[in-house]
């Protein structure tokens, strides 16, 4: 019986026991990778705090070489943060639609998530263009660009992963029984979102 891209039969891609073991191993590998990324970001945050609280007798952010203060667009970045957080919910919604047998719902959720993630990156690039300081200006600006740029690279990787998942969704590759690549990609995307929330409050707000 033919199937449509919108709804897949419940037994489609039903995994065998050995396939389930492979699926579990794949998800565990992603979790281990995320764990290593947590340690990497933790080291970057530690370096940032060392630079920040190691600066004595200066306001924070410190003054630039021309005597003007570093200014961060807190309001714009706050809105951008809400966009990225919302993308986690649209991805979660897409996964829920897949669990209900609605592949078209998954496709819609992935599209909205990808568009939100791309918007986040474009806003961040626009922010870089109007900040008025470069990574070479001071230790503060170097730490700022390192943290936000490294995170931006992770967002880009996440967008590539989700785009590959979207391609497979169009081929009707996923079902309630088999969604390991999608689940692994969603783990990574949620991780990237959580890191940004921490980064936003630690760098822009506090």
Protein backbone atom coordinates (compact mmCIF):
# COMPACT_ATOMS: atom_id res chain seq x y z
CA UNK A 1 0.00 0.00 0.00
CA UNK A 2 1.36 3.41 -0.92
CA UNK A 3 2.13 5.89 1.80
CA UNK A 4 2.17 9.67 1.72
CA UNK A 5 4.69 12.10 3.15
CA UNK A 6 2.11 13.17 5.68
CA UNK A 7 1.37 9.92 7.45
CA UNK A 8 3.43 6.76 7.77
CA UNK A 9 2.18 3.38 8.92
CA UNK A 10 2.88 2.54 12.52
CA UNK A 11 5.17 -0.39 11.67
CA UNK A 12 7.32 1.49 9.15
CA UNK A 13 11.03 1.23 9.93
CA UNK A 14 10.28 -0.92 12.98
CA UNK A 15 13.75 -1.69 14.34
CA UNK A 16 15.04 -5.18 15.03
CA UNK A 17 16.82 -5.89 18.35
CA UNK A 18 20.26 -5.35 16.82
CA UNK A 19 19.04 -2.10 15.27
CA UNK A 20 17.79 -0.92 18.65
CA UNK A 21 21.24 -1.55 20.09
CA UNK A 22 22.77 0.51 17.30
CA UNK A 23 20.23 3.30 17.89
CA UNK A 24 21.00 3.36 21.61
CA UNK A 25 24.73 3.41 20.87
CA UNK A 26 24.25 6.34 18.47
CA UNK A 27 22.34 8.36 21.05
CA UNK A 28 24.93 7.53 23.71
CA UNK A 29 27.68 8.70 21.36
CA UNK A 30 25.86 12.01 20.90
CA UNK A 31 25.46 12.42 24.65
CA UNK A 32 29.17 11.74 25.15
CA UNK A 33 29.98 14.29 22.46
CA UNK A 34 27.73 16.86 24.14
CA UNK A 35 29.48 16.08 27.43
CA UNK A 36 32.83 16.92 25.85
CA UNK A 37 31.34 20.14 24.50
CA UNK A 38 30.09 21.02 27.98
CA UNK A 39 33.65 20.75 29.25
CA UNK A 40 34.89 22.91 26.39
CA UNK A 41 32.36 25.66 27.03
CA UNK A 42 33.04 25.39 30.76
CA UNK A 43 36.71 26.12 30.10
CA UNK A 44 35.76 29.12 27.94
CA UNK A 45 33.44 30.48 30.62
CA UNK A 46 36.18 29.98 33.21
CA UNK A 47 38.63 31.92 31.06
CA UNK A 48 36.04 34.68 30.63
CA UNK A 49 35.53 35.01 34.39
CA UNK A 50 39.28 34.99 34.96
CA UNK A 51 39.63 37.89 32.54
CA UNK A 52 36.62 39.71 33.96
CA UNK A 53 37.38 39.45 37.67
CA UNK A 54 41.12 39.62 37.15
CA UNK A 55 40.71 43.19 35.91
CA UNK A 56 41.20 45.53 38.86
CA UNK A 57 40.18 49.14 39.28
CA UNK A 58 38.16 49.16 36.06
CA UNK A 59 34.51 49.18 35.23
CA UNK A 60 33.10 46.23 33.33
CA UNK A 61 32.99 46.21 30.41
CA UNK A 62 36.27 48.20 30.46
CA UNK A 63 36.94 51.22 28.28
CA UNK A 64 38.21 50.82 24.75
CA UNK A 65 41.53 52.29 23.65
CA UNK A 66 39.75 55.45 22.49
CA UNK A 67 38.30 55.94 25.97
CA UNK A 68 34.76 55.00 25.01
CA UNK A 69 33.00 52.15 26.83
CA UNK A 70 32.27 48.81 25.24
CA UNK A 71 28.53 48.74 24.54
CA UNK A 72 26.59 45.53 24.06
CA UNK A 73 23.10 45.53 22.47
CA UNK A 74 21.34 43.86 25.38
CA UNK A 75 17.79 44.48 24.13
CA UNK A 76 18.42 43.24 20.59
CA UNK A 77 20.32 40.22 21.88
CA UNK A 78 17.51 39.52 24.34
CA UNK A 79 15.04 39.34 21.47
CA UNK A 80 17.47 37.14 19.56
CA UNK A 81 17.69 34.89 22.62
CA UNK A 82 13.91 34.49 22.64
CA UNK A 83 14.06 33.50 18.96
CA UNK A 84 16.62 30.79 19.69
CA UNK A 85 14.69 29.51 22.71
CA UNK A 86 11.51 29.39 20.62
CA UNK A 87 13.32 27.26 18.05
CA UNK A 88 13.74 24.55 20.68
CA UNK A 89 9.98 24.50 21.19
CA UNK A 90 9.25 24.29 17.46
CA UNK A 91 11.68 21.38 17.16
CA UNK A 92 10.02 19.67 20.12
CA UNK A 93 6.63 20.26 18.51
CA UNK A 94 7.84 18.70 15.27
CA UNK A 95 9.02 15.62 17.14
CA UNK A 96 5.64 15.36 18.84
CA UNK A 97 3.92 15.53 15.47
CA UNK A 98 6.12 12.70 14.20
CA UNK A 99 5.21 10.62 17.26
CA UNK A 100 1.57 11.15 16.29
CA UNK A 101 2.28 9.88 12.77
CA UNK A 102 2.22 13.34 11.19
CA UNK A 103 5.34 13.58 9.04
CA UNK A 104 4.17 16.87 7.51
CA UNK A 105 4.03 18.32 11.01
CA UNK A 106 7.64 17.26 11.54
CA UNK A 107 8.62 18.96 8.29
CA UNK A 108 6.88 22.18 9.35
CA UNK A 109 8.54 22.07 12.75
CA UNK A 110 11.98 21.56 11.22
CA UNK A 111 11.48 24.37 8.72
CA UNK A 112 10.46 26.87 11.41
CA UNK A 113 13.34 25.75 13.64
CA UNK A 114 15.88 26.15 10.84
CA UNK A 115 14.53 29.58 9.88
CA UNK A 116 14.69 30.73 13.51
CA UNK A 117 18.24 29.44 13.86
CA UNK A 118 19.29 31.18 10.65
CA UNK A 119 17.66 34.40 11.88
CA UNK A 120 19.63 34.13 15.11
CA UNK A 121 22.90 33.88 13.18
CA UNK A 122 22.02 36.79 10.89
CA UNK A 123 21.18 39.00 13.87
CA UNK A 124 24.45 38.03 15.52
CA UNK A 125 26.42 38.88 12.38
CA UNK A 126 24.61 42.23 12.22
CA UNK A 127 25.57 42.78 15.86
CA UNK A 128 29.23 42.14 15.05
CA UNK A 129 29.06 44.67 12.22
CA UNK A 130 27.79 47.43 14.53
CA UNK A 131 29.60 46.73 17.81
CA UNK A 132 32.39 49.17 17.10
CA UNK A 133 35.17 46.99 18.51
CA UNK A 134 37.24 44.08 17.27
CA UNK A 135 38.74 41.01 18.96
CA UNK A 136 42.12 42.80 19.06
CA UNK A 137 40.94 45.85 21.03
CA UNK A 138 41.14 44.45 24.57
CA UNK A 139 41.04 41.20 26.48
CA UNK A 140 37.32 41.79 26.98
CA UNK A 141 36.59 42.05 23.28
CA UNK A 142 38.73 38.98 22.57
CA UNK A 143 36.83 36.96 25.18
CA UNK A 144 33.50 38.25 23.88
CA UNK A 145 34.18 37.29 20.28
CA UNK A 146 35.61 33.92 21.30
CA UNK A 147 32.54 32.95 23.33
CA UNK A 148 29.88 34.25 20.97
CA UNK A 149 31.73 33.21 17.82
CA UNK A 150 32.37 29.70 19.08
CA UNK A 151 28.72 29.37 20.00
CA UNK A 152 27.70 30.73 16.60
CA UNK A 153 29.78 28.03 14.95
CA UNK A 154 27.85 25.44 16.97
CA UNK A 155 24.55 26.97 15.82
CA UNK A 156 25.75 26.66 12.22
CA UNK A 157 26.61 22.99 12.76
CA UNK A 158 23.19 22.47 14.31
CA UNK A 159 21.51 24.04 11.29
CA UNK A 160 23.40 21.68 8.99
CA UNK A 161 22.33 18.69 11.09
CA UNK A 162 18.69 19.80 11.14
CA UNK A 163 18.79 20.45 7.38
CA UNK A 164 19.94 16.87 6.84
CA UNK A 165 17.09 15.70 9.08
CA UNK A 166 14.68 17.81 7.03
CA UNK A 167 15.90 16.17 3.85
CA UNK A 168 15.28 12.74 5.36
CA UNK A 169 11.87 13.85 6.60
CA UNK A 170 10.91 14.73 3.02
CA UNK A 171 11.91 11.17 2.08
CA UNK A 172 9.64 9.90 4.86
CA UNK A 173 12.60 8.18 6.54
CA UNK A 174 11.45 8.84 10.10
CA UNK A 175 8.68 7.24 12.11
CA UNK A 176 7.74 6.80 15.75
CA UNK A 177 9.78 3.57 15.73
CA UNK A 178 12.84 5.03 14.01
CA UNK A 179 13.94 8.61 14.65
CA UNK A 180 17.49 8.24 16.01
CA UNK A 181 19.17 10.87 13.76
CA UNK A 182 16.39 13.34 14.54
CA UNK A 183 16.62 12.68 18.28
CA UNK A 184 20.40 13.05 18.24
CA UNK A 185 20.08 16.30 16.30
CA UNK A 186 17.48 17.62 18.74
CA UNK A 187 19.75 16.80 21.70
CA UNK A 188 22.49 18.86 20.09
CA UNK A 189 20.16 21.76 19.26
CA UNK A 190 18.73 21.95 22.77
CA UNK A 191 22.28 21.88 24.15
CA UNK A 192 23.28 24.80 21.92
CA UNK A 193 20.22 26.74 23.09
CA UNK A 194 20.96 26.13 26.77
CA UNK A 195 24.56 27.26 26.33
CA UNK A 196 23.38 30.50 24.72
CA UNK A 197 20.99 31.28 27.56
CA UNK A 198 23.88 30.94 30.01
CA UNK A 199 26.13 32.99 27.75
CA UNK A 200 23.54 35.74 27.37
CA UNK A 201 23.07 36.19 31.11
CA UNK A 202 26.76 35.90 31.98
CA UNK A 203 28.10 38.17 29.23
CA UNK A 204 25.27 40.57 28.36
CA UNK A 205 23.24 40.90 31.56
CA UNK A 206 25.45 40.42 34.61
